[in-house]
Amino acid sequence: MESTRLLMELERHRKMINREIIDEAVPELTLPLLEPMLRMVAHSRAAYIAELVSITNENQGGAPSEQQLSRLKTKRLAFEELVAAVNALETVVQRDYLTIGD
């Protein structure tokens, strides 16, 4: 069927183009390169949760102030952005868009 063939060709081109562009922009992926990224996400997660605990302790379960919510939101946005970036990297690896090193 023509549509199946077109979709297969589209996927082949997508992979070729992504690999060409991403491989040029990102160094060969290795475990030593990935570990600091994972630590960064873990630190960000910890900062977000620690802020929640801090706000809870400050208010003893009462409603947070706008300033407290702003601090919490800043931590959440940083955490979510890092998680999204690591997820995008995982997709790149799964789709073989990037050279993987030893």
N, C-alpha and C. Protein backbone atom coordinates (compact mmCIF):
# COMPACT_ATOMS: atom_id res chain seq x y z
N MET A 1 0.84 -1.18 0.00
CA MET A 1 0.00 0.00 0.00
C MET A 1 0.89 1.24 0.00
N GLU A 2 0.51 2.25 -0.75
CA GLU A 2 1.30 3.46 -0.92
C GLU A 2 1.49 4.23 0.38
N SER A 3 0.46 4.31 1.20
CA SER A 3 0.57 5.07 2.44
C SER A 3 1.57 4.43 3.40
N THR A 4 1.61 3.11 3.44
CA THR A 4 2.55 2.41 4.30
C THR A 4 3.98 2.66 3.84
N ARG A 5 4.19 2.61 2.55
CA ARG A 5 5.52 2.86 2.00
C ARG A 5 5.95 4.30 2.29
N LEU A 6 5.04 5.23 2.12
CA LEU A 6 5.34 6.64 2.40
C LEU A 6 5.70 6.83 3.88
N LEU A 7 4.95 6.21 4.76
CA LEU A 7 5.23 6.33 6.19
C LEU A 7 6.59 5.72 6.55
N MET A 8 6.93 4.62 5.92
CA MET A 8 8.24 4.01 6.16
C MET A 8 9.37 4.92 5.67
N GLU A 9 9.19 5.51 4.52
CA GLU A 9 10.18 6.45 3.99
C GLU A 9 10.28 7.69 4.86
N LEU A 10 9.15 8.17 5.32
CA LEU A 10 9.12 9.33 6.20
C LEU A 10 9.91 9.05 7.48
N GLU A 11 9.70 7.89 8.07
CA GLU A 11 10.41 7.51 9.29
C GLU A 11 11.91 7.40 9.03
N ARG A 12 12.28 6.82 7.91
CA ARG A 12 13.70 6.70 7.56
C ARG A 12 14.35 8.07 7.42
N HIS A 13 13.66 9.00 6.76
CA HIS A 13 14.18 10.36 6.60
C HIS A 13 14.22 11.10 7.93
N ARG A 14 13.21 10.92 8.74
CA ARG A 14 13.17 11.57 10.05
C ARG A 14 14.38 11.12 10.88
N LYS A 15 14.63 9.82 10.87
CA LYS A 15 15.76 9.29 11.64
C LYS A 15 17.08 9.83 11.10
N MET A 16 17.24 9.83 9.80
CA MET A 16 18.47 10.32 9.19
C MET A 16 18.71 11.80 9.51
N ILE A 17 17.69 12.61 9.39
CA ILE A 17 17.82 14.04 9.63
C ILE A 17 18.08 14.32 11.10
N ASN A 18 17.32 13.68 11.98
CA ASN A 18 17.53 13.89 13.41
C ASN A 18 18.93 13.44 13.83
N ARG A 19 19.36 12.30 13.35
CA ARG A 19 20.69 11.80 13.72
C ARG A 19 21.77 12.76 13.24
N GLU A 20 21.64 13.24 12.02
CA GLU A 20 22.62 14.18 11.46
C GLU A 20 22.71 15.45 12.32
N ILE A 21 21.58 16.02 12.65
CA ILE A 21 21.55 17.29 13.38
C ILE A 21 21.91 17.11 14.85
N ILE A 22 21.35 16.10 15.49
CA ILE A 22 21.59 15.90 16.93
C ILE A 22 23.02 15.42 17.16
N ASP A 23 23.51 14.52 16.33
CA ASP A 23 24.88 14.03 16.49
C ASP A 23 25.90 15.18 16.39
N GLU A 24 25.61 16.14 15.55
CA GLU A 24 26.52 17.29 15.38
C GLU A 24 26.47 18.20 16.62
N ALA A 25 25.32 18.30 17.24
CA ALA A 25 25.13 19.24 18.35
C ALA A 25 25.48 18.66 19.72
N VAL A 26 25.38 17.34 19.86
CA VAL A 26 25.53 16.70 21.16
C VAL A 26 26.70 15.73 21.10
N PRO A 27 27.58 15.78 22.11
CA PRO A 27 28.71 14.84 22.10
C PRO A 27 28.23 13.40 22.23
N GLU A 28 29.10 12.48 21.84
CA GLU A 28 28.79 11.05 21.97
C GLU A 28 28.35 10.76 23.40
N LEU A 29 27.26 10.08 23.53
CA LEU A 29 26.67 9.82 24.84
C LEU A 29 27.36 8.66 25.53
N THR A 30 27.78 8.90 26.77
CA THR A 30 28.41 7.87 27.59
C THR A 30 27.82 7.93 28.99
N LEU A 31 27.99 6.88 29.75
CA LEU A 31 27.52 6.86 31.12
C LEU A 31 28.15 7.97 31.96
N PRO A 32 29.47 8.24 31.83
CA PRO A 32 30.04 9.34 32.60
C PRO A 32 29.41 10.70 32.27
N LEU A 33 28.92 10.88 31.05
CA LEU A 33 28.23 12.12 30.69
C LEU A 33 26.81 12.14 31.26
N LEU A 34 26.17 11.00 31.33
CA LEU A 34 24.78 10.92 31.81
C LEU A 34 24.67 11.04 33.33
N GLU A 35 25.63 10.52 34.05
CA GLU A 35 25.52 10.53 35.51
C GLU A 35 25.36 11.94 36.09
N PRO A 36 26.14 12.93 35.67
CA PRO A 36 25.92 14.28 36.21
C PRO A 36 24.53 14.84 35.88
N MET A 37 23.99 14.47 34.72
CA MET A 37 22.63 14.91 34.38
C MET A 37 21.62 14.32 35.36
N LEU A 38 21.76 13.03 35.63
CA LEU A 38 20.83 12.38 36.55
C LEU A 38 20.96 12.96 37.96
N ARG A 39 22.18 13.28 38.36
CA ARG A 39 22.39 13.91 39.67
C ARG A 39 21.75 15.29 39.73
N MET A 40 21.86 16.04 38.62
CA MET A 40 21.26 17.36 38.55
C MET A 40 19.74 17.27 38.73
N VAL A 41 19.12 16.32 38.07
CA VAL A 41 17.67 16.13 38.20
C VAL A 41 17.32 15.73 39.63
N ALA A 42 18.11 14.84 40.22
CA ALA A 42 17.86 14.40 41.59
C ALA A 42 17.99 15.57 42.57
N HIS A 43 19.00 16.42 42.37
CA HIS A 43 19.16 17.60 43.23
C HIS A 43 17.97 18.54 43.08
N SER A 44 17.51 18.70 41.86
CA SER A 44 16.36 19.57 41.61
C SER A 44 15.10 19.00 42.26
N ARG A 45 14.91 17.70 42.15
CA ARG A 45 13.77 17.03 42.80
C ARG A 45 13.86 17.23 44.31
N ALA A 46 15.03 17.03 44.86
CA ALA A 46 15.22 17.19 46.30
C ALA A 46 14.94 18.64 46.74
N ALA A 47 15.38 19.60 45.96
CA ALA A 47 15.14 21.02 46.30
C ALA A 47 13.65 21.33 46.29
N TYR A 48 12.93 20.78 45.33
CA TYR A 48 11.49 20.99 45.23
C TYR A 48 10.77 20.40 46.45
N ILE A 49 11.08 19.17 46.77
CA ILE A 49 10.45 18.50 47.91
C ILE A 49 10.86 19.17 49.22
N ALA A 50 12.14 19.55 49.34
CA ALA A 50 12.61 20.23 50.55
C ALA A 50 11.89 21.56 50.74
N GLU A 51 11.62 22.25 49.65
CA GLU A 51 10.88 23.52 49.75
C GLU A 51 9.47 23.28 50.26
N LEU A 52 8.85 22.23 49.77
CA LEU A 52 7.50 21.88 50.25
C LEU A 52 7.52 21.60 51.75
N VAL A 53 8.48 20.81 52.18
CA VAL A 53 8.60 20.49 53.61
C VAL A 53 8.86 21.75 54.42
N SER A 54 9.71 22.62 53.91
CA SER A 54 10.03 23.87 54.60
C SER A 54 8.79 24.75 54.76
N ILE A 55 8.03 24.87 53.70
CA ILE A 55 6.81 25.68 53.75
C ILE A 55 5.81 25.08 54.73
N THR A 56 5.69 23.77 54.70
CA THR A 56 4.78 23.09 55.62
C THR A 56 5.19 23.35 57.06
N ASN A 57 6.49 23.24 57.33
CA ASN A 57 6.97 23.48 58.69
C ASN A 57 6.79 24.93 59.11
N GLU A 58 7.04 25.86 58.19
CA GLU A 58 6.86 27.28 58.49
C GLU A 58 5.42 27.60 58.85
N ASN A 59 4.48 26.96 58.18
CA ASN A 59 3.06 27.27 58.33
C ASN A 59 2.32 26.28 59.22
N GLN A 60 2.99 25.25 59.64
CA GLN A 60 2.38 24.21 60.45
C GLN A 60 1.06 23.73 59.84
N GLY A 61 1.08 23.54 58.54
CA GLY A 61 -0.09 23.02 57.84
C GLY A 61 -1.05 24.09 57.36
N GLY A 62 -0.81 25.35 57.72
CA GLY A 62 -1.69 26.43 57.26
C GLY A 62 -1.43 26.78 55.80
N ALA A 63 -2.23 27.67 55.28
CA ALA A 63 -2.11 28.08 53.88
C ALA A 63 -0.78 28.79 53.64
N PRO A 64 -0.13 28.50 52.53
CA PRO A 64 1.14 29.16 52.22
C PRO A 64 0.92 30.59 51.73
N SER A 65 1.92 31.42 51.94
CA SER A 65 1.86 32.80 51.44
C SER A 65 2.16 32.80 49.94
N GLU A 66 1.92 33.93 49.31
CA GLU A 66 2.23 34.06 47.88
C GLU A 66 3.74 33.93 47.66
N GLN A 67 4.53 34.46 48.56
CA GLN A 67 5.98 34.36 48.45
C GLN A 67 6.42 32.90 48.56
N GLN A 68 5.83 32.17 49.49
CA GLN A 68 6.17 30.75 49.63
C GLN A 68 5.77 29.96 48.38
N LEU A 69 4.59 30.25 47.87
CA LEU A 69 4.16 29.57 46.65
C LEU A 69 5.06 29.92 45.48
N SER A 70 5.51 31.14 45.43
CA SER A 70 6.42 31.55 44.36
C SER A 70 7.73 30.78 44.44
N ARG A 71 8.27 30.62 45.64
CA ARG A 71 9.49 29.83 45.82
C ARG A 71 9.27 28.38 45.39
N LEU A 72 8.14 27.82 45.80
CA LEU A 72 7.82 26.44 45.45
C LEU A 72 7.66 26.28 43.94
N LYS A 73 6.98 27.23 43.34
CA LYS A 73 6.77 27.18 41.89
C LYS A 73 8.09 27.25 41.13
N THR A 74 8.99 28.09 41.58
CA THR A 74 10.30 28.20 40.95
C THR A 74 11.03 26.86 40.99
N LYS A 75 10.98 26.20 42.15
CA LYS A 75 11.63 24.88 42.29
C LYS A 75 10.95 23.85 41.39
N ARG A 76 9.61 23.90 41.33
CA ARG A 76 8.87 22.94 40.49
C ARG A 76 9.19 23.13 39.02
N LEU A 77 9.21 24.37 38.57
CA LEU A 77 9.50 24.63 37.16
C LEU A 77 10.89 24.16 36.78
N ALA A 78 11.86 24.38 37.65
CA ALA A 78 13.21 23.91 37.38
C ALA A 78 13.23 22.38 37.29
N PHE A 79 12.59 21.74 38.25
CA PHE A 79 12.52 20.27 38.26
C PHE A 79 11.83 19.75 37.00
N GLU A 80 10.66 20.28 36.68
CA GLU A 80 9.91 19.81 35.51
C GLU A 80 10.68 20.04 34.22
N GLU A 81 11.38 21.15 34.11
CA GLU A 81 12.16 21.43 32.90
C GLU A 81 13.29 20.41 32.74
N LEU A 82 13.96 20.11 33.84
CA LEU A 82 15.04 19.12 33.77
C LEU A 82 14.51 17.73 33.45
N VAL A 83 13.37 17.35 34.03
CA VAL A 83 12.77 16.05 33.73
C VAL A 83 12.39 15.99 32.25
N ALA A 84 11.81 17.05 31.72
CA ALA A 84 11.43 17.08 30.30
C ALA A 84 12.66 16.94 29.41
N ALA A 85 13.75 17.59 29.79
CA ALA A 85 14.97 17.50 29.00
C ALA A 85 15.55 16.08 29.02
N VAL A 86 15.56 15.46 30.19
CA VAL A 86 16.08 14.09 30.29
C VAL A 86 15.15 13.13 29.52
N ASN A 87 13.86 13.36 29.58
CA ASN A 87 12.93 12.54 28.80
C ASN A 87 13.17 12.70 27.30
N ALA A 88 13.45 13.92 26.87
CA ALA A 88 13.76 14.15 25.46
C ALA A 88 15.04 13.43 25.07
N LEU A 89 16.02 13.44 25.96
CA LEU A 89 17.26 12.72 25.70
C LEU A 89 17.01 11.22 25.60
N GLU A 90 16.16 10.71 26.48
CA GLU A 90 15.81 9.29 26.44
C GLU A 90 15.15 8.93 25.11
N THR A 91 14.29 9.78 24.62
CA THR A 91 13.64 9.56 23.32
C THR A 91 14.68 9.53 22.21
N VAL A 92 15.63 10.45 22.27
CA VAL A 92 16.70 10.50 21.27
C VAL A 92 17.47 9.18 21.26
N VAL A 93 17.75 8.65 22.44
CA VAL A 93 18.48 7.38 22.54
C VAL A 93 17.62 6.24 22.00
N GLN A 94 16.35 6.19 22.42
CA GLN A 94 15.46 5.11 21.97
C GLN A 94 15.30 5.08 20.46
N ARG A 95 15.28 6.26 19.85
CA ARG A 95 15.07 6.34 18.40
C ARG A 95 16.38 6.30 17.61
N ASP A 96 17.50 6.12 18.32
CA ASP A 96 18.81 6.01 17.68
C ASP A 96 19.16 7.25 16.89
N TYR A 97 18.88 8.43 17.48
CA TYR A 97 19.21 9.70 16.85
C TYR A 97 20.59 10.20 17.25
N LEU A 98 21.30 9.46 18.09
CA LEU A 98 22.54 9.94 18.66
C LEU A 98 23.52 8.78 18.80
N THR A 99 24.79 9.07 18.59
CA THR A 99 25.83 8.07 18.76
C THR A 99 26.01 7.79 20.25
N ILE A 100 26.04 6.51 20.57
CA ILE A 100 26.22 6.06 21.96
C ILE A 100 27.64 5.53 22.08
N GLY A 101 28.36 6.02 23.09
CA GLY A 101 29.73 5.57 23.32
C GLY A 101 29.79 4.43 24.31
N ASP A 102 30.99 4.00 24.62
CA ASP A 102 31.20 2.93 25.59
C ASP A 102 31.05 3.42 27.01
